[in-house]
PDB file of all heavy atoms in Angstrom:
ATOM      1  N   LEU A   1      -7.435  -0.965   0.574  1.00  0.00           N
ATOM      2  CA  LEU A   1      -6.289  -0.288   1.176  1.00  0.00           C
ATOM      3  C   LEU A   1      -6.645   1.179   1.365  1.00  0.00           C
ATOM      4  O   LEU A   1      -7.018   1.864   0.398  1.00  0.00           O
ATOM      5  CB  LEU A   1      -5.058  -0.372   0.264  1.00  0.00           C
ATOM      6  CG  LEU A   1      -4.273  -1.678   0.226  1.00  0.00           C
ATOM      7  CD1 LEU A   1      -3.113  -1.527  -0.751  1.00  0.00           C
ATOM      8  CD2 LEU A   1      -3.755  -2.056   1.600  1.00  0.00           C
ATOM      9  N   PHE A   2      -6.574   1.673   2.577  1.00  0.00           N
ATOM     10  CA  PHE A   2      -6.702   3.098   2.841  1.00  0.00           C
ATOM     11  C   PHE A   2      -5.292   3.668   2.941  1.00  0.00           C
ATOM     12  O   PHE A   2      -4.448   3.141   3.675  1.00  0.00           O
ATOM     13  CB  PHE A   2      -7.493   3.344   4.121  1.00  0.00           C
ATOM     14  CG  PHE A   2      -8.944   2.979   3.986  1.00  0.00           C
ATOM     15  CD1 PHE A   2      -9.405   1.739   4.386  1.00  0.00           C
ATOM     16  CD2 PHE A   2      -9.845   3.879   3.412  1.00  0.00           C
ATOM     17  CE1 PHE A   2     -10.740   1.395   4.244  1.00  0.00           C
ATOM     18  CE2 PHE A   2     -11.180   3.536   3.265  1.00  0.00           C
ATOM     19  CZ  PHE A   2     -11.635   2.293   3.682  1.00  0.00           C
ATOM     20  N   VAL A   3      -5.035   4.728   2.186  1.00  0.00           N
ATOM     21  CA  VAL A   3      -3.670   5.226   2.011  1.00  0.00           C
ATOM     22  C   VAL A   3      -3.599   6.707   2.345  1.00  0.00           C
ATOM     23  O   VAL A   3      -4.429   7.500   1.886  1.00  0.00           O
ATOM     24  CB  VAL A   3      -3.201   5.017   0.544  1.00  0.00           C
ATOM     25  CG1 VAL A   3      -1.749   5.462   0.383  1.00  0.00           C
ATOM     26  CG2 VAL A   3      -3.343   3.538   0.151  1.00  0.00           C
ATOM     27  N   ASP A   4      -2.622   7.083   3.135  1.00  0.00           N
ATOM     28  CA  ASP A   4      -2.357   8.493   3.422  1.00  0.00           C
ATOM     29  C   ASP A   4      -2.020   9.199   2.107  1.00  0.00           C
ATOM     30  O   ASP A   4      -1.061   8.830   1.435  1.00  0.00           O
ATOM     31  CB  ASP A   4      -1.187   8.591   4.395  1.00  0.00           C
ATOM     32  CG  ASP A   4      -0.863  10.033   4.797  1.00  0.00           C
ATOM     33  OD1 ASP A   4      -1.415  10.975   4.166  1.00  0.00           O
ATOM     34  OD2 ASP A   4      -0.039  10.222   5.693  1.00  0.00           O
ATOM     35  N   PRO A   5      -2.793  10.211   1.695  1.00  0.00           N
ATOM     36  CA  PRO A   5      -2.514  10.874   0.413  1.00  0.00           C
ATOM     37  C   PRO A   5      -1.161  11.563   0.371  1.00  0.00           C
ATOM     38  O   PRO A   5      -0.671  11.888  -0.729  1.00  0.00           O
ATOM     39  CB  PRO A   5      -3.661  11.880   0.289  1.00  0.00           C
ATOM     40  CG  PRO A   5      -4.160  12.078   1.674  1.00  0.00           C
ATOM     41  CD  PRO A   5      -3.950  10.775   2.388  1.00  0.00           C
ATOM     42  N   LEU A   6      -0.547  11.770   1.527  1.00  0.00           N
ATOM     43  CA  LEU A   6       0.766  12.397   1.565  1.00  0.00           C
ATOM     44  C   LEU A   6       1.891  11.377   1.686  1.00  0.00           C
ATOM     45  O   LEU A   6       3.061  11.744   1.811  1.00  0.00           O
ATOM     46  CB  LEU A   6       0.842  13.384   2.745  1.00  0.00           C
ATOM     47  CG  LEU A   6      -0.192  14.514   2.726  1.00  0.00           C
ATOM     48  CD1 LEU A   6      -0.017  15.400   3.963  1.00  0.00           C
ATOM     49  CD2 LEU A   6      -0.068  15.338   1.454  1.00  0.00           C
ATOM     50  N   ALA A   7       1.544  10.070   1.626  1.00  0.00           N
ATOM     51  CA  ALA A   7       2.572   9.027   1.750  1.00  0.00           C
ATOM     52  C   ALA A   7       3.566   9.101   0.605  1.00  0.00           C
ATOM     53  O   ALA A   7       4.756   8.796   0.772  1.00  0.00           O
ATOM     54  CB  ALA A   7       1.926   7.645   1.820  1.00  0.00           C
ATOM     55  N   ARG A   8       3.086   9.442  -0.578  1.00  0.00           N
ATOM     56  CA  ARG A   8       3.934   9.653  -1.755  1.00  0.00           C
ATOM     57  C   ARG A   8       3.390  10.852  -2.531  1.00  0.00           C
ATOM     58  O   ARG A   8       2.170  10.995  -2.679  1.00  0.00           O
ATOM     59  CB  ARG A   8       3.949   8.417  -2.658  1.00  0.00           C
ATOM     60  CG  ARG A   8       4.676   7.222  -2.085  1.00  0.00           C
ATOM     61  CD  ARG A   8       6.193   7.450  -2.069  1.00  0.00           C
ATOM     62  NE  ARG A   8       6.888   6.357  -1.399  1.00  0.00           N
ATOM     63  CZ  ARG A   8       7.284   5.246  -2.020  1.00  0.00           C
ATOM     64  NH1 ARG A   8       7.027   5.089  -3.320  1.00  0.00           N
ATOM     65  NH2 ARG A   8       7.914   4.309  -1.363  1.00  0.00           N
ATOM     66  N   ALA A   9       4.277  11.662  -3.056  1.00  0.00           N
ATOM     67  CA  ALA A   9       3.843  12.862  -3.767  1.00  0.00           C
ATOM     68  C   ALA A   9       3.187  12.543  -5.098  1.00  0.00           C
ATOM     69  O   ALA A   9       2.394  13.344  -5.613  1.00  0.00           O
ATOM     70  CB  ALA A   9       5.029  13.795  -3.981  1.00  0.00           C
ATOM     71  N   ASP A  10       3.504  11.391  -5.690  1.00  0.00           N
ATOM     72  CA  ASP A  10       3.032  11.085  -7.041  1.00  0.00           C
ATOM     73  C   ASP A  10       2.013   9.943  -7.066  1.00  0.00           C
ATOM     74  O   ASP A  10       1.916   9.223  -8.052  1.00  0.00           O
ATOM     75  CB  ASP A  10       4.205  10.759  -7.958  1.00  0.00           C
ATOM     76  CG  ASP A  10       5.102   9.661  -7.415  1.00  0.00           C
ATOM     77  OD1 ASP A  10       4.898   9.251  -6.257  1.00  0.00           O
ATOM     78  OD2 ASP A  10       6.017   9.230  -8.140  1.00  0.00           O
ATOM     79  N   LEU A  11       1.225   9.781  -6.030  1.00  0.00           N
ATOM     80  CA  LEU A  11       0.122   8.838  -6.066  1.00  0.00           C
ATOM     81  C   LEU A  11      -0.918   9.334  -7.084  1.00  0.00           C
ATOM     82  O   LEU A  11      -1.012  10.540  -7.339  1.00  0.00           O
ATOM     83  CB  LEU A  11      -0.519   8.691  -4.685  1.00  0.00           C
ATOM     84  CG  LEU A  11       0.311   7.954  -3.628  1.00  0.00           C
ATOM     85  CD1 LEU A  11      -0.360   8.081  -2.259  1.00  0.00           C
ATOM     86  CD2 LEU A  11       0.506   6.492  -4.000  1.00  0.00           C
ATOM     87  N   PRO A  12      -1.695   8.435  -7.707  1.00  0.00           N
ATOM     88  CA  PRO A  12      -2.683   8.867  -8.695  1.00  0.00           C
ATOM     89  C   PRO A  12      -3.612   9.946  -8.144  1.00  0.00           C
ATOM     90  O   PRO A  12      -4.037   9.885  -6.989  1.00  0.00           O
ATOM     91  CB  PRO A  12      -3.448   7.587  -9.026  1.00  0.00           C
ATOM     92  CG  PRO A  12      -2.476   6.490  -8.711  1.00  0.00           C
ATOM     93  CD  PRO A  12      -1.688   6.963  -7.534  1.00  0.00           C
ATOM     94  N   SER A  13      -3.935  10.922  -8.975  1.00  0.00           N
ATOM     95  CA  SER A  13      -4.735  12.057  -8.543  1.00  0.00           C
ATOM     96  C   SER A  13      -6.181  11.987  -9.039  1.00  0.00           C
ATOM     97  O   SER A  13      -6.983  12.853  -8.701  1.00  0.00           O
ATOM     98  CB  SER A  13      -4.109  13.366  -9.036  1.00  0.00           C
ATOM     99  OG  SER A  13      -4.023  13.385 -10.454  1.00  0.00           O
ATOM    100  N   GLN A  14      -6.507  10.953  -9.838  1.00  0.00           N
ATOM    101  CA  GLN A  14      -7.855  10.831 -10.390  1.00  0.00           C
ATOM    102  C   GLN A  14      -8.405   9.432 -10.137  1.00  0.00           C
ATOM    103  O   GLN A  14      -7.647   8.475  -9.979  1.00  0.00           O
ATOM    104  CB  GLN A  14      -7.848  11.120 -11.888  1.00  0.00           C
ATOM    105  CG  GLN A  14      -7.425  12.532 -12.232  1.00  0.00           C
ATOM    106  CD  GLN A  14      -7.455  12.790 -13.728  1.00  0.00           C
ATOM    107  OE1 GLN A  14      -7.357  11.862 -14.530  1.00  0.00           O
ATOM    108  NE2 GLN A  14      -7.591  14.044 -14.113  1.00  0.00           N
ATOM    109  N   CYS A  15      -9.748   9.334 -10.139  1.00  0.00           N
ATOM    110  CA  CYS A  15     -10.377   8.019 -10.054  1.00  0.00           C
ATOM    111  C   CYS A  15     -10.029   7.214 -11.293  1.00  0.00           C
ATOM    112  O   CYS A  15     -10.019   7.747 -12.399  1.00  0.00           O
ATOM    113  CB  CYS A  15     -11.898   8.151  -9.955  1.00  0.00           C
ATOM    114  SG  CYS A  15     -12.486   9.001  -8.494  1.00  0.00           S
ATOM    115  N   GLN A  16      -9.762   5.912 -11.113  1.00  0.00           N
ATOM    116  CA  GLN A  16      -9.456   5.064 -12.264  1.00  0.00           C
ATOM    117  C   GLN A  16      -9.576   3.606 -11.883  1.00  0.00           C
ATOM    118  O   GLN A  16      -9.245   3.200 -10.776  1.00  0.00           O
ATOM    119  CB  GLN A  16      -8.047   5.360 -12.787  1.00  0.00           C
ATOM    120  CG  GLN A  16      -6.966   5.354 -11.723  1.00  0.00           C
ATOM    121  CD  GLN A  16      -5.706   6.093 -12.147  1.00  0.00           C
ATOM    122  OE1 GLN A  16      -5.755   7.071 -12.862  1.00  0.00           O
ATOM    123  NE2 GLN A  16      -4.564   5.605 -11.682  1.00  0.00           N
ATOM    124  N   VAL A  17     -10.106   2.813 -12.841  1.00  0.00           N
ATOM    125  CA  VAL A  17     -10.125   1.359 -12.673  1.00  0.00           C
ATOM    126  C   VAL A  17      -8.752   0.847 -13.096  1.00  0.00           C
ATOM    127  O   VAL A  17      -8.214   1.277 -14.123  1.00  0.00           O
ATOM    128  CB  VAL A  17     -11.223   0.719 -13.532  1.00  0.00           C
ATOM    129  CG1 VAL A  17     -11.175  -0.811 -13.405  1.00  0.00           C
ATOM    130  CG2 VAL A  17     -12.581   1.226 -13.104  1.00  0.00           C
ATOM    131  N   VAL A  18      -8.188  -0.059 -12.309  1.00  0.00           N
ATOM    132  CA  VAL A  18      -6.790  -0.427 -12.516  1.00  0.00           C
ATOM    133  C   VAL A  18      -6.615  -1.944 -12.507  1.00  0.00           C
ATOM    134  O   VAL A  18      -7.401  -2.686 -11.926  1.00  0.00           O
ATOM    135  CB  VAL A  18      -5.878   0.193 -11.436  1.00  0.00           C
ATOM    136  CG1 VAL A  18      -5.877   1.706 -11.541  1.00  0.00           C
ATOM    137  CG2 VAL A  18      -6.319  -0.231 -10.038  1.00  0.00           C
ATOM    138  N   GLN A  19      -5.558  -2.353 -13.178  1.00  0.00           N
ATOM    139  CA  GLN A  19      -5.126  -3.759 -13.135  1.00  0.00           C
ATOM    140  C   GLN A  19      -4.394  -4.009 -11.818  1.00  0.00           C
ATOM    141  O   GLN A  19      -3.582  -3.188 -11.387  1.00  0.00           O
ATOM    142  CB  GLN A  19      -4.208  -4.036 -14.315  1.00  0.00           C
ATOM    143  CG  GLN A  19      -3.679  -5.455 -14.398  1.00  0.00           C
ATOM    144  CD  GLN A  19      -4.807  -6.412 -14.735  1.00  0.00           C
ATOM    145  OE1 GLN A  19      -5.525  -6.198 -15.707  1.00  0.00           O
ATOM    146  NE2 GLN A  19      -4.954  -7.444 -13.958  1.00  0.00           N
ATOM    147  N   ILE A  20      -4.688  -5.126 -11.183  1.00  0.00           N
ATOM    148  CA  ILE A  20      -3.996  -5.520  -9.955  1.00  0.00           C
ATOM    149  C   ILE A  20      -3.023  -6.642 -10.311  1.00  0.00           C
ATOM    150  O   ILE A  20      -3.435  -7.727 -10.693  1.00  0.00           O
ATOM    151  CB  ILE A  20      -4.978  -5.994  -8.868  1.00  0.00           C
ATOM    152  CG1 ILE A  20      -6.011  -4.903  -8.556  1.00  0.00           C
ATOM    153  CG2 ILE A  20      -4.229  -6.413  -7.610  1.00  0.00           C
ATOM    154  CD1 ILE A  20      -5.444  -3.668  -7.925  1.00  0.00           C
ATOM    155  N   SER A  21      -1.750  -6.358 -10.209  1.00  0.00           N
ATOM    156  CA  SER A  21      -0.736  -7.360 -10.553  1.00  0.00           C
ATOM    157  C   SER A  21      -0.703  -8.462  -9.494  1.00  0.00           C
ATOM    158  O   SER A  21      -1.143  -8.248  -8.348  1.00  0.00           O
ATOM    159  CB  SER A  21       0.633  -6.703 -10.641  1.00  0.00           C
ATOM    160  OG  SER A  21       1.054  -6.261  -9.349  1.00  0.00           O
ATOM    161  N   PRO A  22      -0.194  -9.642  -9.854  1.00  0.00           N
ATOM    162  CA  PRO A  22      -0.060 -10.700  -8.846  1.00  0.00           C
ATOM    163  C   PRO A  22       0.766 -10.238  -7.633  1.00  0.00           C
ATOM    164  O   PRO A  22       0.468 -10.618  -6.499  1.00  0.00           O
ATOM    165  CB  PRO A  22       0.643 -11.819  -9.626  1.00  0.00           C
ATOM    166  CG  PRO A  22       0.218 -11.616 -11.042  1.00  0.00           C
ATOM    167  CD  PRO A  22       0.150 -10.120 -11.209  1.00  0.00           C
ATOM    168  N   LEU A  23       1.796  -9.427  -7.882  1.00  0.00           N
ATOM    169  CA  LEU A  23       2.616  -8.936  -6.788  1.00  0.00           C
ATOM    170  C   LEU A  23       1.793  -8.054  -5.853  1.00  0.00           C
ATOM    171  O   LEU A  23       1.826  -8.249  -4.619  1.00  0.00           O
ATOM    172  CB  LEU A  23       3.814  -8.142  -7.324  1.00  0.00           C
ATOM    173  CG  LEU A  23       4.658  -7.404  -6.276  1.00  0.00           C
ATOM    174  CD1 LEU A  23       5.243  -8.369  -5.260  1.00  0.00           C
ATOM    175  CD2 LEU A  23       5.756  -6.591  -6.962  1.00  0.00           C
ATOM    176  N   LEU A  24       1.044  -7.105  -6.418  1.00  0.00           N
ATOM    177  CA  LEU A  24       0.261  -6.213  -5.563  1.00  0.00           C
ATOM    178  C   LEU A  24      -0.820  -6.991  -4.824  1.00  0.00           C
ATOM    179  O   LEU A  24      -1.116  -6.690  -3.661  1.00  0.00           O
ATOM    180  CB  LEU A  24      -0.359  -5.095  -6.408  1.00  0.00           C
ATOM    181  CG  LEU A  24      -1.177  -4.061  -5.626  1.00  0.00           C
ATOM    182  CD1 LEU A  24      -0.362  -3.429  -4.511  1.00  0.00           C
ATOM    183  CD2 LEU A  24      -1.715  -2.984  -6.565  1.00  0.00           C
ATOM    184  N   ARG A  25      -1.420  -7.969  -5.478  1.00  0.00           N
ATOM    185  CA  ARG A  25      -2.446  -8.780  -4.805  1.00  0.00           C
ATOM    186  C   ARG A  25      -1.877  -9.445  -3.552  1.00  0.00           C
ATOM    187  O   ARG A  25      -2.491  -9.428  -2.492  1.00  0.00           O
ATOM    188  CB  ARG A  25      -2.992  -9.847  -5.762  1.00  0.00           C
ATOM    189  CG  ARG A  25      -4.102 -10.685  -5.144  1.00  0.00           C
ATOM    190  CD  ARG A  25      -4.683 -11.662  -6.157  1.00  0.00           C
ATOM    191  NE  ARG A  25      -3.691 -12.629  -6.615  1.00  0.00           N
ATOM    192  CZ  ARG A  25      -3.247 -12.716  -7.861  1.00  0.00           C
ATOM    193  NH1 ARG A  25      -3.696 -11.889  -8.791  1.00  0.00           N
ATOM    194  NH2 ARG A  25      -2.368 -13.626  -8.206  1.00  0.00           N
ATOM    195  N   GLU A  26      -0.692 -10.005  -3.662  1.00  0.00           N
ATOM    196  CA  GLU A  26      -0.071 -10.645  -2.498  1.00  0.00           C
ATOM    197  C   GLU A  26       0.345  -9.626  -1.446  1.00  0.00           C
ATOM    198  O   GLU A  26       0.254  -9.878  -0.237  1.00  0.00           O
ATOM    199  CB  GLU A  26       1.152 -11.464  -2.951  1.00  0.00           C
ATOM    200  CG  GLU A  26       0.803 -12.655  -3.845  1.00  0.00           C
ATOM    201  CD  GLU A  26      -0.191 -13.599  -3.207  1.00  0.00           C
ATOM    202  OE1 GLU A  26      -0.054 -13.861  -1.988  1.00  0.00           O
ATOM    203  OE2 GLU A  26      -1.114 -14.063  -3.890  1.00  0.00           O
ATOM    204  N   LEU A  27       0.765  -8.457  -1.898  1.00  0.00           N
ATOM    205  CA  LEU A  27       1.145  -7.400  -0.952  1.00  0.00           C
ATOM    206  C   LEU A  27      -0.071  -6.904  -0.177  1.00  0.00           C
ATOM    207  O   LEU A  27       0.026  -6.598   1.029  1.00  0.00           O
ATOM    208  CB  LEU A  27       1.796  -6.231  -1.695  1.00  0.00           C
ATOM    209  CG  LEU A  27       3.212  -6.480  -2.227  1.00  0.00           C
ATOM    210  CD1 LEU A  27       3.631  -5.348  -3.147  1.00  0.00           C
ATOM    211  CD2 LEU A  27       4.212  -6.621  -1.074  1.00  0.00           C
ATOM    212  N   ILE A  28      -1.230  -6.820  -0.857  1.00  0.00           N
ATOM    213  CA  ILE A  28      -2.450  -6.415  -0.163  1.00  0.00           C
ATOM    214  C   ILE A  28      -2.793  -7.431   0.918  1.00  0.00           C
ATOM    215  O   ILE A  28      -3.145  -7.058   2.046  1.00  0.00           O
ATOM    216  CB  ILE A  28      -3.616  -6.271  -1.173  1.00  0.00           C
ATOM    217  CG1 ILE A  28      -3.368  -5.068  -2.089  1.00  0.00           C
ATOM    218  CG2 ILE A  28      -4.945  -6.097  -0.422  1.00  0.00           C
ATOM    219  CD1 ILE A  28      -4.371  -4.954  -3.230  1.00  0.00           C
ATOM    220  N   LEU A  29      -2.673  -8.721   0.605  1.00  0.00           N
ATOM    221  CA  LEU A  29      -2.932  -9.743   1.619  1.00  0.00           C
ATOM    222  C   LEU A  29      -1.956  -9.621   2.782  1.00  0.00           C
ATOM    223  O   LEU A  29      -2.329  -9.750   3.958  1.00  0.00           O
ATOM    224  CB  LEU A  29      -2.827 -11.126   0.976  1.00  0.00           C
ATOM    225  CG  LEU A  29      -3.893 -11.462  -0.071  1.00  0.00           C
ATOM    226  CD1 LEU A  29      -3.633 -12.841  -0.678  1.00  0.00           C
ATOM    227  CD2 LEU A  29      -5.297 -11.408   0.539  1.00  0.00           C
ATOM    228  N   ALA A  30      -0.686  -9.348   2.460  1.00  0.00           N
ATOM    229  CA  ALA A  30       0.314  -9.198   3.524  1.00  0.00           C
ATOM    230  C   ALA A  30       0.051  -7.980   4.388  1.00  0.00           C
ATOM    231  O   ALA A  30       0.385  -7.963   5.581  1.00  0.00           O
ATOM    232  CB  ALA A  30       1.717  -9.108   2.903  1.00  0.00           C
ATOM    233  N   SER A  31      -0.581  -6.950   3.803  1.00  0.00           N
ATOM    234  CA  SER A  31      -0.797  -5.714   4.545  1.00  0.00           C
ATOM    235  C   SER A  31      -1.767  -5.881   5.701  1.00  0.00           C
ATOM    236  O   SER A  31      -1.787  -5.065   6.624  1.00  0.00           O
ATOM    237  CB  SER A  31      -1.301  -4.613   3.597  1.00  0.00           C
ATOM    238  OG  SER A  31      -2.612  -4.890   3.137  1.00  0.00           O
ATOM    239  N   PHE A  32      -2.580  -6.949   5.674  1.00  0.00           N
ATOM    240  CA  PHE A  32      -3.511  -7.176   6.774  1.00  0.00           C
ATOM    241  C   PHE A  32      -2.784  -7.526   8.075  1.00  0.00           C
ATOM    242  O   PHE A  32      -3.359  -7.436   9.157  1.00  0.00           O
ATOM    243  CB  PHE A  32      -4.498  -8.289   6.407  1.00  0.00           C
ATOM    244  CG  PHE A  32      -5.602  -7.843   5.492  1.00  0.00           C
ATOM    245  CD1 PHE A  32      -5.438  -7.937   4.122  1.00  0.00           C
ATOM    246  CD2 PHE A  32      -6.767  -7.307   5.990  1.00  0.00           C
ATOM    247  CE1 PHE A  32      -6.444  -7.504   3.257  1.00  0.00           C
ATOM    248  CE2 PHE A  32      -7.770  -6.870   5.147  1.00  0.00           C
ATOM    249  CZ  PHE A  32      -7.615  -6.967   3.773  1.00  0.00           C
ATOM    250  N   HIS A  33      -1.539  -7.912   7.950  1.00  0.00           N
ATOM    251  CA  HIS A  33      -0.776  -8.291   9.137  1.00  0.00           C
ATOM    252  C   HIS A  33       0.195  -7.190   9.575  1.00  0.00           C
ATOM    253  O   HIS A  33       0.980  -7.392  10.500  1.00  0.00           O
ATOM    254  CB  HIS A  33       0.009  -9.571   8.853  1.00  0.00           C
ATOM    255  CG  HIS A  33      -0.871 -10.707   8.399  1.00  0.00           C
ATOM    256  ND1 HIS A  33      -1.749 -11.356   9.235  1.00  0.00           N
ATOM    257  CD2 HIS A  33      -1.020 -11.281   7.164  1.00  0.00           C
ATOM    258  CE1 HIS A  33      -2.399 -12.301   8.540  1.00  0.00           C
ATOM    259  NE2 HIS A  33      -1.965 -12.266   7.294  1.00  0.00           N
ATOM    260  N   LEU A  34       0.131  -6.037   8.906  1.00  0.00           N
ATOM    261  CA  LEU A  34       1.034  -4.945   9.264  1.00  0.00           C
ATOM    262  C   LEU A  34       0.522  -4.223  10.502  1.00  0.00           C
ATOM    263  O   LEU A  34      -0.658  -3.875  10.588  1.00  0.00           O
ATOM    264  CB  LEU A  34       1.156  -3.944   8.104  1.00  0.00           C
ATOM    265  CG  LEU A  34       1.836  -4.424   6.824  1.00  0.00           C
ATOM    266  CD1 LEU A  34       1.750  -3.333   5.765  1.00  0.00           C
ATOM    267  CD2 LEU A  34       3.289  -4.793   7.095  1.00  0.00           C
ATOM    268  N   PRO A  35       1.374  -3.953  11.469  1.00  0.00           N
ATOM    269  CA  PRO A  35       0.949  -3.166  12.631  1.00  0.00           C
ATOM    270  C   PRO A  35       0.823  -1.693  12.255  1.00  0.00           C
ATOM    271  O   PRO A  35       1.383  -1.239  11.254  1.00  0.00           O
ATOM    272  CB  PRO A  35       2.096  -3.387  13.626  1.00  0.00           C
ATOM    273  CG  PRO A  35       3.302  -3.614  12.771  1.00  0.00           C
ATOM    274  CD  PRO A  35       2.797  -4.374  11.561  1.00  0.00           C
ATOM    275  N   ALA A  36       0.069  -0.946  13.056  1.00  0.00           N
ATOM    276  CA  ALA A  36      -0.067   0.486  12.791  1.00  0.00           C
ATOM    277  C   ALA A  36       1.278   1.196  12.906  1.00  0.00           C
ATOM    278  O   ALA A  36       1.550   2.159  12.173  1.00  0.00           O
ATOM    279  CB  ALA A  36      -1.082   1.099  13.769  1.00  0.00           C
ATOM    280  N   HIS A  37       2.110   0.714  13.787  1.00  0.00           N
ATOM    281  CA  HIS A  37       3.439   1.302  13.966  1.00  0.00           C
ATOM    282  C   HIS A  37       4.468   0.168  13.957  1.00  0.00           C
ATOM    283  O   HIS A  37       4.260  -0.881  14.580  1.00  0.00           O
ATOM    284  CB  HIS A  37       3.522   2.077  15.272  1.00  0.00           C
ATOM    285  CG  HIS A  37       2.489   3.174  15.381  1.00  0.00           C
ATOM    286  ND1 HIS A  37       2.566   4.345  14.653  1.00  0.00           N
ATOM    287  CD2 HIS A  37       1.345   3.250  16.103  1.00  0.00           C
ATOM    288  CE1 HIS A  37       1.532   5.105  14.937  1.00  0.00           C
ATOM    289  NE2 HIS A  37       0.769   4.454  15.820  1.00  0.00           N
ATOM    290  N   TYR A  38       5.529   0.354  13.215  1.00  0.00           N
ATOM    291  CA  TYR A  38       6.538  -0.688  13.085  1.00  0.00           C
ATOM    292  C   TYR A  38       7.931  -0.079  13.196  1.00  0.00           C
ATOM    293  O   TYR A  38       8.134   1.134  13.096  1.00  0.00           O
ATOM    294  CB  TYR A  38       6.387  -1.417  11.744  1.00  0.00           C
ATOM    295  CG  TYR A  38       6.201  -0.511  10.561  1.00  0.00           C
ATOM    296  CD1 TYR A  38       7.262   0.199  10.003  1.00  0.00           C
ATOM    297  CD2 TYR A  38       4.938  -0.360   9.996  1.00  0.00           C
ATOM    298  CE1 TYR A  38       7.063   1.046   8.927  1.00  0.00           C
ATOM    299  CE2 TYR A  38       4.730   0.490   8.925  1.00  0.00           C
ATOM    300  CZ  TYR A  38       5.806   1.184   8.386  1.00  0.00           C
ATOM    301  OH  TYR A  38       5.609   2.018   7.339  1.00  0.00           O
ATOM    302  N   THR A  39       8.907  -0.962  13.410  1.00  0.00           N
ATOM    303  CA  THR A  39      10.291  -0.530  13.555  1.00  0.00           C
ATOM    304  C   THR A  39      10.865  -0.137  12.188  1.00  0.00           C
ATOM    305  O   THR A  39      10.781  -0.937  11.239  1.00  0.00           O
ATOM    306  CB  THR A  39      11.139  -1.654  14.162  1.00  0.00           C
ATOM    307  OG1 THR A  39      10.575  -2.048  15.418  1.00  0.00           O
ATOM    308  CG2 THR A  39      12.576  -1.195  14.354  1.00  0.00           C
ATOM    309  N   PRO A  40      11.428   1.045  12.042  1.00  0.00           N
ATOM    310  CA  PRO A  40      12.025   1.445  10.762  1.00  0.00           C
ATOM    311  C   PRO A  40      13.122   0.478  10.328  1.00  0.00           C
ATOM    312  O   PRO A  40      13.871  -0.045  11.150  1.00  0.00           O
ATOM    313  CB  PRO A  40      12.617   2.839  11.070  1.00  0.00           C
ATOM    314  CG  PRO A  40      11.818   3.343  12.231  1.00  0.00           C
ATOM    315  CD  PRO A  40      11.506   2.117  13.044  1.00  0.00           C
ATOM    316  N   GLY A  41      13.147   0.196   9.020  1.00  0.00           N
ATOM    317  CA  GLY A  41      14.182  -0.664   8.464  1.00  0.00           C
ATOM    318  C   GLY A  41      13.838  -2.133   8.451  1.00  0.00           C
ATOM    319  O   GLY A  41      14.580  -2.940   7.877  1.00  0.00           O
ATOM    320  N   GLY A  42      12.686  -2.510   9.024  1.00  0.00           N
ATOM    321  CA  GLY A  42      12.324  -3.921   9.090  1.00  0.00           C
ATOM    322  C   GLY A  42      11.440  -4.360   7.929  1.00  0.00           C
ATOM    323  O   GLY A  42      11.153  -3.596   7.007  1.00  0.00           O
ATOM    324  N   ARG A  43      10.985  -5.608   7.989  1.00  0.00           N
ATOM    325  CA  ARG A  43      10.186  -6.183   6.921  1.00  0.00           C
ATOM    326  C   ARG A  43       8.878  -5.421   6.719  1.00  0.00           C
ATOM    327  O   ARG A  43       8.447  -5.191   5.577  1.00  0.00           O
ATOM    328  CB  ARG A  43       9.888  -7.644   7.231  1.00  0.00           C
ATOM    329  CG  ARG A  43       8.983  -8.351   6.218  1.00  0.00           C
ATOM    330  CD  ARG A  43       8.767  -9.806   6.598  1.00  0.00           C
ATOM    331  NE  ARG A  43       7.916 -10.506   5.638  1.00  0.00           N
ATOM    332  CZ  ARG A  43       6.596 -10.541   5.697  1.00  0.00           C
ATOM    333  NH1 ARG A  43       5.954  -9.931   6.706  1.00  0.00           N
ATOM    334  NH2 ARG A  43       5.890 -11.199   4.784  1.00  0.00           N
ATOM    335  N   ASP A  44       8.216  -5.021   7.819  1.00  0.00           N
ATOM    336  CA  ASP A  44       6.947  -4.321   7.716  1.00  0.00           C
ATOM    337  C   ASP A  44       7.109  -3.003   6.951  1.00  0.00           C
ATOM    338  O   ASP A  44       6.255  -2.658   6.127  1.00  0.00           O
ATOM    339  CB  ASP A  44       6.381  -4.052   9.111  1.00  0.00           C
ATOM    340  CG  ASP A  44       5.990  -5.328   9.838  1.00  0.00           C
ATOM    341  OD1 ASP A  44       5.707  -6.328   9.153  1.00  0.00           O
ATOM    342  OD2 ASP A  44       5.982  -5.331  11.080  1.00  0.00           O
TER     343      ASP A  44
END
């Protein structure tokens, strides 16, 4: 996942190995189908 560092003010600020929860794993898979631009308020 490539993430805009300004997307959230409190994203991690240091390198770290992390646990990937089952929820996040499925969300990462779902993110492959996200368009670059989407309608506000929708599922994407």
